[in-house]
Structure formats: structure tokens, C-alpha cells
Amino acid sequence: MAVKKTVLAGLCVVVMLGLCILDGAAKGETNSKNVAADAYKLRMQGKVDDAKALLEQAIQANPHNAVAHYELARTNFYMVTHPQQGVDRIAEAQQSIEKAIESDPNNVIYPFFEGHIALFQYYMSQTKENAARLCGAFESALKLKPDYRQAMLYLVEIYGTLPADKGGDKSKAEQYAKKLEATDEIYGAKARWILLPGDTNRVDYWQKVMKNHQGNTDVLEEMGKAYLGADDVNDAVLCFEKAIKIDPNKSFLFLDLSIYHTWAAMAAGDNSELRQKAIAAGDAAVTRYLDSNPVLPMRAYALGVQYKYKSHSGHKEQADEILKKARELDPYFSMATGAPNPDLFIAIDEIPHSHRYLFRPVQ
């Protein structure tokens, strides 16, 4: 009996110890997520330096904090588009996302975001090696989530758009396109559009798709961009407005519209009347986006765009006031022409489901 009691007591100790270890691990995981979530909130409040410092402290305390590495990667990536930051931020972002994947290899969020970092690196140096890294990131995400349609569509575009000596592969693009066509009609249509000859009439193509998908916001978006490509701004705006009415999250289409007008202003050359007309239209479009009450980093970015319009239209005092407001909101707001990647602003545990073309222009 004494032996049995001793064994039973020993088992109880082992069980209790195991429960304590599991409980401690759970608390450690929760604390890791909490720290990263706090840093994310700080960044979304425009306190980027504070967010970065908090994440670096968390990683120093726990080098295997995957979610902290991920959020640090997003923070560094976000900072790249500010003129005061060097492209070395991309290298830091790459290191961080690699650490996140190493610490949590089964989280599909991490390789998918690595794809966006790899894309930036490809833009800087269009080598076959960088293209392979770009494709490898999205393919890794697909291995973890075989039905990840956004990852498949990116691969269609990469393999189908790049020349063979830069990493393109038409056969692989076709394989992914067929998978999308078999699983999702809209994404299949997007994939097929990418692979069609460049002289295909985009308006006709999306009008045919629209017949079977009236009211689909993705199709309305594509239809609107097709109209922009044909310089039919009025019909483009109608499509965008319909899409945004159905899904207010599509308000970024007003930014796409403003970028179209920016290019139109640049193309106007010495025609000052045409240039000022395009600037005024772009200003109106970005104002409509601001009226949609975007998240703070995107509001700061949009104000930066508006600052450029006001500057080029001769309203210097108003422009300076807008720039001051943008800097007060977020000192690191993006000053790139293209809008920041929306995946930078979703929650730390949210799988990205947005899609923006990688190589094609807005229209």
C-alpha cells in the first residue's frame, strides 16, 4: 500500500507539473500575442517608433515570439515608403518574417506576407533569384492553405507576367489559373484575364463576366478599372460607387481613381488647363476617400496625396496645413504614389484576403 501511495503521489505531482507547464505555455503564448497586439495598436495610432521599441523588447525577452517578429516585419515594411527611411528597412523586414516562419512554420499568414516583402525586393533587383523567392513565398502559403485563392492569383500573375529569363513560367501560370477557374468563378475570371493577350478588350471581357455576376463588388471593381483603362471616367466612377455602396470597404477605389488622375496630370505636359483639370479631379477623388473615414495610417497617406494636389494647384498655405496634419497623425505616413498594402492594417491574427494586382497599373 505504501508503494502504491508513493506511486500515486508521484503521478499526481507529474500531472500537476504538466498542467502547470501547459498553463505557463498558454500564458506565454497569450502574453506574446498581447504584446504584438499592443504594438499593432500603437502603430495604428501613428506611434510607430513606440510600436517598434515595444516589439524589439518583446523579442529580446523571447527570441521565438513569432507574432512579434511578424508585427515587426510589418512595421519595418510600413516605414520603407517614408522618404526619411532607407531601403535597409526591407532587409530588416525580411529577417523578421523569416524568424516568424522559423518560430511558427504552420502559420499561413507569415509566408503570405513574406511574398509582399519579396515583391518589393524584386522591384529593386529584378533577378531570377528574387523572382524565385517571390514565388516560393506564395507557394509556401498554398502548401499550408491549398484553397488560398489570393496566393494562387498572385502566382498566376507572377508566372504569367514575368519573362522566362526573369522567373516567368506560362505553364505554371496556366495550372494555377485552371485551379482557380474550378473553385471560384470570379478569381478564375481574374486569372484568365491576366493570361489573355495584351490587346484583348478589357471592357468587353468584364462586361461578359458581369452578365452572370450582377452586383458582385469584385467584378464592379474590375469593370470600373477597365473603364479607366479606356479613359471612360464617368462609367468607371459609376462602377466604383456601386461597389462601395454594397461594400464600404471598397472605398480605396477612390484612391485608385485619384491615382488615375495623377497620371493624367503628368501626361498633360505643357497643357496647363488639362493638367489643372486632372489635379482638381484627383483632389475630389481623394476627398471622397477621406470622407469614408479610413484607418489612421491610410488617412495620413490620403492627406499626403491631397497635399501634393494642393501644392500643384497653387494653394501653398492650404497644402502646408494639410501636410502638417498628416505628419501629426503619423510621422511615417507613406509618400509613395501607390497606396500602402492593406495587409499592413489588419489584425495580427487575421489571414489576409485582399488582392491588388502586383504588376498591373490601377487602370
Protein backbone atom coordinates (compact mmCIF):
# COMPACT_ATOMS: atom_id res chain seq x y z
CA MET A 1 0.00 0.00 0.00
CA ALA A 2 2.84 2.38 0.82
CA VAL A 3 4.38 1.72 -2.59
CA LYS A 4 1.04 2.30 -4.34
CA LYS A 5 0.52 5.54 -2.41
CA THR A 6 4.01 6.71 -3.31
CA VAL A 7 3.48 5.93 -7.00
CA LEU A 8 0.06 7.61 -6.95
CA ALA A 9 1.52 10.68 -5.26
CA GLY A 10 4.31 10.75 -7.85
CA LEU A 11 1.80 10.56 -10.67
CA CYS A 12 -0.17 13.41 -9.15
CA VAL A 13 2.98 15.52 -8.99
CA VAL A 14 3.77 14.74 -12.65
CA VAL A 15 0.21 15.58 -13.73
CA MET A 16 0.20 18.80 -11.72
CA LEU A 17 3.61 19.75 -13.08
CA GLY A 18 2.43 19.03 -16.63
CA LEU A 19 -0.65 21.18 -16.11
CA CYS A 20 1.50 23.99 -14.76
CA ILE A 21 3.82 23.77 -17.77
CA LEU A 22 0.88 23.78 -20.18
CA ASP A 23 -0.71 26.65 -18.33
CA GLY A 24 2.57 28.56 -18.39
CA ALA A 25 2.96 27.91 -22.11
CA ALA A 26 -0.57 29.09 -22.75
CA LYS A 27 0.05 32.24 -20.72
CA GLY A 28 3.33 32.80 -22.54
CA GLU A 29 1.57 32.48 -25.89
CA THR A 30 -1.16 34.83 -24.75
CA ASN A 31 1.36 37.37 -23.48
CA SER A 32 3.25 37.18 -26.79
CA LYS A 33 0.06 37.91 -28.69
CA ASN A 34 -0.89 40.68 -26.29
CA VAL A 35 2.44 42.45 -26.72
CA ALA A 36 2.23 42.21 -30.51
CA ALA A 37 -1.39 43.36 -30.42
CA ASP A 38 -0.40 46.34 -28.26
CA ALA A 39 2.36 47.23 -30.72
CA TYR A 40 -0.10 46.94 -33.60
CA LYS A 41 -2.49 49.32 -31.83
CA LEU A 42 0.33 51.81 -31.29
CA ARG A 43 1.26 51.68 -34.97
CA MET A 44 -2.36 52.17 -35.96
CA GLN A 45 -2.38 55.26 -33.73
CA GLY A 46 0.62 56.70 -35.57
CA LYS A 47 3.07 55.81 -32.80
CA VAL A 48 5.38 53.78 -35.00
CA ASP A 49 8.59 54.31 -33.01
CA ASP A 50 6.87 53.22 -29.80
CA ALA A 51 5.50 50.14 -31.53
CA LYS A 52 8.90 49.19 -32.88
CA ALA A 53 10.58 49.65 -29.49
CA LEU A 54 7.95 47.50 -27.77
CA LEU A 55 8.38 44.71 -30.30
CA GLU A 56 12.17 44.75 -30.06
CA GLN A 57 11.93 44.48 -26.26
CA ALA A 58 9.50 41.58 -26.56
CA ILE A 59 11.78 39.74 -28.98
CA GLN A 60 14.80 40.33 -26.78
CA ALA A 61 12.88 38.71 -23.92
CA ASN A 62 11.64 35.88 -26.14
CA PRO A 63 13.55 35.39 -29.43
CA HIS A 64 10.94 32.81 -30.54
CA ASN A 65 7.99 35.18 -30.30
CA ALA A 66 6.67 34.55 -33.81
CA VAL A 67 3.82 37.05 -33.75
CA ALA A 68 6.15 39.80 -32.51
CA HIS A 69 8.55 39.05 -35.37
CA TYR A 70 5.62 39.24 -37.79
CA GLU A 71 4.41 42.58 -36.48
CA LEU A 72 7.98 43.92 -36.52
CA ALA A 73 8.23 42.83 -40.16
CA ARG A 74 5.04 44.74 -40.95
CA THR A 75 6.28 47.78 -39.04
CA ASN A 76 9.59 47.90 -40.92
CA PHE A 77 7.82 47.31 -44.22
CA TYR A 78 5.45 50.16 -43.47
CA MET A 79 8.32 52.52 -42.72
CA VAL A 80 10.08 51.87 -46.04
CA THR A 81 7.79 54.16 -48.04
CA HIS A 82 8.67 57.22 -45.97
CA PRO A 83 11.48 59.28 -47.55
CA GLN A 84 13.43 59.53 -44.28
CA GLN A 85 13.75 55.75 -44.11
CA GLY A 86 16.30 53.77 -46.12
CA VAL A 87 15.63 50.60 -48.05
CA ASP A 88 17.57 48.77 -45.36
CA ARG A 89 14.19 48.52 -43.62
CA ILE A 90 13.31 45.89 -46.21
CA ALA A 91 16.26 43.76 -45.13
CA GLU A 92 15.10 44.09 -41.52
CA ALA A 93 11.56 43.16 -42.51
CA GLN A 94 12.88 40.10 -44.36
CA GLN A 95 14.88 38.99 -41.32
CA SER A 96 11.86 39.42 -39.06
CA ILE A 97 9.45 37.48 -41.25
CA GLU A 98 11.99 34.66 -41.59
CA LYS A 99 12.18 34.49 -37.79
CA ALA A 100 8.38 34.40 -37.59
CA ILE A 101 8.24 31.49 -40.05
CA GLU A 102 11.04 29.67 -38.24
CA SER A 103 9.25 30.04 -34.90
CA ASP A 104 5.80 29.12 -36.22
CA PRO A 105 6.15 27.28 -39.56
CA ASN A 106 2.47 26.28 -39.71
CA ASN A 107 1.04 29.80 -39.70
CA VAL A 108 -0.08 30.65 -43.25
CA ILE A 109 -0.09 34.39 -42.52
CA TYR A 110 3.69 34.60 -42.36
CA PRO A 111 4.78 33.17 -45.75
CA PHE A 112 1.97 35.11 -47.43
CA PHE A 113 3.30 38.36 -46.02
CA GLU A 114 6.82 37.30 -46.97
CA GLY A 115 5.52 37.38 -50.53
CA HIS A 116 4.85 41.12 -50.27
CA ILE A 117 8.35 41.74 -48.94
CA ALA A 118 9.83 39.60 -51.72
CA LEU A 119 7.85 41.61 -54.28
CA PHE A 120 9.46 44.84 -53.08
CA GLN A 121 12.85 43.17 -53.30
CA TYR A 122 12.07 42.05 -56.83
CA TYR A 123 11.21 45.61 -57.82
CA MET A 124 14.60 46.74 -56.50
CA SER A 125 16.51 43.98 -58.27
CA GLN A 126 14.66 42.07 -60.98
CA THR A 127 16.70 38.90 -60.86
CA LYS A 128 15.57 35.35 -61.38
CA GLU A 129 16.66 34.58 -57.81
CA ASN A 130 14.37 37.27 -56.39
CA ALA A 131 11.53 36.03 -58.58
CA ALA A 132 12.06 32.52 -57.21
CA ARG A 133 11.93 33.88 -53.67
CA LEU A 134 8.72 35.72 -54.53
CA CYS A 135 7.03 32.64 -55.98
CA GLY A 136 8.36 30.45 -53.18
CA ALA A 137 6.71 32.60 -50.52
CA PHE A 138 3.23 32.35 -52.04
CA GLU A 139 3.70 28.66 -52.83
CA SER A 140 4.63 28.05 -49.19
CA ALA A 141 1.38 29.74 -48.18
CA LEU A 142 -0.52 27.48 -50.58
CA LYS A 143 1.00 24.36 -49.03
CA LEU A 144 -0.47 25.41 -45.70
CA LYS A 145 -3.77 26.55 -47.19
CA PRO A 146 -4.39 24.79 -50.54
CA ASP A 147 -7.55 26.82 -51.27
CA TYR A 148 -5.83 30.19 -50.74
CA ARG A 149 -7.21 31.91 -53.84
CA GLN A 150 -5.32 35.17 -53.34
CA ALA A 151 -1.99 33.30 -53.24
CA MET A 152 -2.94 31.37 -56.38
CA LEU A 153 -3.90 34.54 -58.23
CA TYR A 154 -0.61 36.19 -57.30
CA LEU A 155 1.21 33.16 -58.70
CA VAL A 156 -0.81 33.35 -61.93
CA GLU A 157 0.26 36.97 -62.30
CA ILE A 158 3.91 36.40 -61.41
CA TYR A 159 4.45 33.32 -63.57
CA GLY A 160 2.25 34.66 -66.36
CA THR A 161 3.66 38.19 -66.48
CA LEU A 162 7.40 37.83 -65.95
CA PRO A 163 9.58 36.81 -68.90
CA ALA A 164 11.12 33.35 -68.69
CA ASP A 165 14.62 34.69 -68.02
CA LYS A 166 13.24 36.63 -65.03
CA GLY A 167 11.35 33.73 -63.45
CA GLY A 168 8.19 33.55 -65.54
CA ASP A 169 6.61 30.20 -66.39
CA LYS A 170 3.48 30.20 -68.57
CA SER A 171 2.71 26.54 -67.88
CA LYS A 172 2.66 27.07 -64.11
CA ALA A 173 0.52 30.18 -64.54
CA GLU A 174 -1.96 28.13 -66.57
CA GLN A 175 -2.06 25.38 -63.93
CA TYR A 176 -2.95 27.84 -61.17
CA ALA A 177 -5.47 29.60 -63.42
CA LYS A 178 -7.30 26.32 -64.08
CA LYS A 179 -7.41 25.57 -60.34
CA LEU A 180 -8.98 28.97 -59.70
CA GLU A 181 -11.49 28.54 -62.54
CA ALA A 182 -12.55 25.22 -60.99
CA THR A 183 -13.03 26.64 -57.49
CA ASP A 184 -14.00 30.33 -57.78
CA GLU A 185 -15.61 31.87 -60.88
CA ILE A 186 -14.59 35.45 -60.10
CA TYR A 187 -10.99 34.67 -59.25
CA GLY A 188 -10.92 32.33 -62.21
CA ALA A 189 -12.05 35.22 -64.41
CA LYS A 190 -9.30 37.42 -62.95
CA ALA A 191 -6.73 34.73 -63.61
CA ARG A 192 -7.89 34.23 -67.19
CA TRP A 193 -7.82 37.99 -67.80
CA ILE A 194 -4.17 38.13 -66.71
CA LEU A 195 -3.24 35.44 -69.23
CA LEU A 196 -5.14 36.86 -72.20
CA PRO A 197 -3.21 38.73 -74.92
CA GLY A 198 -2.44 42.35 -74.10
CA ASP A 199 -4.66 43.68 -76.89
CA THR A 200 -7.80 42.00 -75.51
CA ASN A 201 -10.63 44.48 -74.95
CA ARG A 202 -10.83 44.67 -71.18
CA VAL A 203 -14.21 46.40 -71.09
CA ASP A 204 -15.82 43.72 -73.29
CA TYR A 205 -14.24 40.97 -71.22
CA TRP A 206 -15.58 42.20 -67.89
CA GLN A 207 -18.97 43.11 -69.34
CA LYS A 208 -19.38 39.44 -70.28
CA VAL A 209 -18.42 38.38 -66.77
CA MET A 210 -20.79 40.97 -65.32
CA LYS A 211 -23.80 39.40 -67.07
CA ASN A 212 -23.65 36.41 -64.73
CA HIS A 213 -22.47 38.31 -61.65
CA GLN A 214 -24.56 41.44 -61.31
CA GLY A 215 -23.80 43.23 -58.05
CA ASN A 216 -20.55 41.37 -57.36
CA THR A 217 -18.22 44.01 -55.91
CA ASP A 218 -15.03 42.43 -57.28
CA VAL A 219 -16.50 42.43 -60.79
CA LEU A 220 -17.69 46.01 -60.36
CA GLU A 221 -14.15 46.94 -59.33
CA GLU A 222 -12.66 45.23 -62.38
CA MET A 223 -15.29 46.81 -64.62
CA GLY A 224 -14.51 50.26 -63.23
CA LYS A 225 -10.78 49.81 -63.78
CA ALA A 226 -11.46 48.59 -67.31
CA TYR A 227 -13.37 51.81 -67.99
CA LEU A 228 -10.46 53.83 -66.59
CA GLY A 229 -8.15 51.99 -68.97
CA ALA A 230 -10.42 53.16 -71.77
CA ASP A 231 -10.43 56.71 -70.32
CA ASP A 232 -14.17 56.42 -69.64
CA VAL A 233 -14.06 58.10 -66.24
CA ASN A 234 -17.83 58.59 -65.82
CA ASP A 235 -18.67 54.91 -66.21
CA ALA A 236 -15.70 53.99 -64.02
CA VAL A 237 -16.99 56.20 -61.22
CA LEU A 238 -20.47 54.66 -61.52
CA CYS A 239 -19.00 51.16 -61.09
CA PHE A 240 -16.88 52.25 -58.15
CA GLU A 241 -19.82 53.94 -56.45
CA LYS A 242 -21.98 50.82 -56.84
CA ALA A 243 -19.23 48.62 -55.40
CA ILE A 244 -18.64 50.94 -52.44
CA LYS A 245 -22.38 51.21 -51.72
CA ILE A 246 -22.55 47.42 -51.44
CA ASP A 247 -19.23 47.09 -49.60
CA PRO A 248 -17.90 50.25 -47.90
CA ASN A 249 -14.50 48.55 -47.55
CA LYS A 250 -14.09 49.15 -51.28
CA SER A 251 -13.67 52.89 -50.62
CA PHE A 252 -10.00 52.51 -51.61
CA LEU A 253 -11.30 52.65 -55.18
CA PHE A 254 -11.50 56.41 -54.77
CA LEU A 255 -7.73 56.33 -54.20
CA ASP A 256 -7.30 54.31 -57.38
CA LEU A 257 -9.34 56.96 -59.14
CA SER A 258 -7.12 59.70 -57.75
CA ILE A 259 -4.01 57.88 -59.00
CA TYR A 260 -5.55 57.72 -62.47
CA HIS A 261 -5.97 61.49 -62.39
CA THR A 262 -2.39 61.91 -61.13
CA TRP A 263 -1.11 60.09 -64.18
CA ALA A 264 -3.42 62.15 -66.38
CA ALA A 265 -1.94 65.32 -64.88
CA MET A 266 1.58 64.06 -65.58
CA ALA A 267 0.62 63.17 -69.14
CA ALA A 268 -0.81 66.65 -69.74
CA GLY A 269 2.68 68.06 -70.25
CA ASP A 270 2.61 71.74 -71.13
CA ASN A 271 -1.19 71.85 -71.32
CA SER A 272 -1.78 73.69 -68.02
CA GLU A 273 -5.57 73.71 -68.40
CA LEU A 274 -5.73 69.93 -68.85
CA ARG A 275 -3.23 69.41 -66.04
CA GLN A 276 -5.19 71.56 -63.58
CA LYS A 277 -8.40 69.79 -64.52
CA ALA A 278 -6.81 66.43 -63.73
CA ILE A 279 -5.40 67.74 -60.45
CA ALA A 280 -8.82 69.05 -59.39
CA ALA A 281 -10.43 65.69 -60.26
CA GLY A 282 -7.76 63.81 -58.30
CA ASP A 283 -8.25 66.12 -55.32
CA ALA A 284 -12.00 65.48 -55.41
CA ALA A 285 -11.44 61.71 -55.55
CA VAL A 286 -9.09 61.63 -52.57
CA THR A 287 -11.53 63.85 -50.63
CA ARG A 288 -14.23 61.25 -51.18
CA TYR A 289 -11.87 58.62 -49.80
CA LEU A 290 -11.16 60.74 -46.73
CA ASP A 291 -14.91 61.10 -46.21
CA SER A 292 -15.11 57.31 -45.82
CA ASN A 293 -13.22 57.63 -42.50
CA PRO A 294 -10.28 55.31 -43.22
CA VAL A 295 -7.92 53.95 -40.57
CA LEU A 296 -5.38 56.48 -39.30
CA PRO A 297 -2.33 55.42 -41.37
CA MET A 298 -4.42 55.49 -44.54
CA ARG A 299 -5.92 58.84 -43.57
CA ALA A 300 -2.41 60.25 -43.18
CA TYR A 301 -1.42 58.77 -46.56
CA ALA A 302 -4.50 60.28 -48.24
CA LEU A 303 -3.74 63.67 -46.72
CA GLY A 304 -0.24 63.37 -48.16
CA VAL A 305 -1.78 62.79 -51.58
CA GLN A 306 -4.06 65.78 -51.08
CA TYR A 307 -1.06 67.89 -50.06
CA LYS A 308 0.52 67.18 -53.47
CA TYR A 309 -2.65 68.21 -55.29
CA LYS A 310 -2.95 71.45 -53.35
CA SER A 311 0.75 72.22 -53.90
CA HIS A 312 0.50 71.76 -57.66
CA SER A 313 -2.68 73.83 -57.86
CA GLY A 314 -1.01 76.85 -56.21
CA HIS A 315 -2.66 76.62 -52.77
CA LYS A 316 0.60 76.62 -50.79
CA GLU A 317 -0.75 77.66 -47.38
CA GLN A 318 -3.56 75.10 -47.51
CA ALA A 319 -1.11 72.46 -48.73
CA ASP A 320 1.30 73.15 -45.87
CA GLU A 321 -1.52 72.88 -43.34
CA ILE A 322 -2.59 69.52 -44.78
CA LEU A 323 0.98 68.21 -44.69
CA LYS A 324 1.30 69.31 -41.06
CA LYS A 325 -1.88 67.42 -40.20
CA ALA A 326 -0.64 64.27 -41.96
CA ARG A 327 2.64 64.38 -40.01
CA GLU A 328 0.79 64.90 -36.74
CA LEU A 329 -1.32 61.81 -37.42
CA ASP A 330 1.61 59.63 -38.43
CA PRO A 331 5.21 60.86 -38.87
CA TYR A 332 5.94 57.80 -41.02
CA PHE A 333 2.98 58.07 -43.39
CA SER A 334 3.65 56.70 -46.83
CA MET A 335 4.56 59.22 -49.51
CA ALA A 336 4.62 56.68 -52.33
CA THR A 337 2.31 57.18 -55.29
CA GLY A 338 0.62 53.82 -54.81
CA ALA A 339 -1.41 53.23 -51.67
CA PRO A 340 0.11 51.11 -48.86
CA ASN A 341 -0.66 47.40 -48.83
CA PRO A 342 -3.94 46.80 -46.96
CA ASP A 343 -2.44 43.71 -45.30
CA LEU A 344 -0.41 46.07 -43.12
CA PHE A 345 -3.53 47.22 -41.31
CA ILE A 346 -5.44 44.04 -40.46
CA ALA A 347 -5.29 42.38 -37.03
CA ILE A 348 -2.20 40.34 -36.20
CA ASP A 349 -4.09 37.01 -36.29
CA GLU A 350 -6.18 37.75 -39.39
CA ILE A 351 -5.47 35.85 -42.61
CA PRO A 352 -5.17 38.40 -45.45
CA HIS A 353 -7.89 38.13 -48.09
CA SER A 354 -7.36 41.34 -50.04
CA HIS A 355 -5.92 41.28 -53.53
CA ARG A 356 -4.23 44.06 -55.50
CA TYR A 357 -2.50 43.36 -58.80
CA LEU A 358 1.25 43.18 -58.39
CA PHE A 359 2.49 44.36 -61.76
CA ARG A 360 -0.50 45.90 -63.49
CA PRO A 361 -1.34 49.61 -63.15
CA VAL A 362 -4.51 50.76 -61.41
CA GLN A 363 -6.46 51.14 -64.61
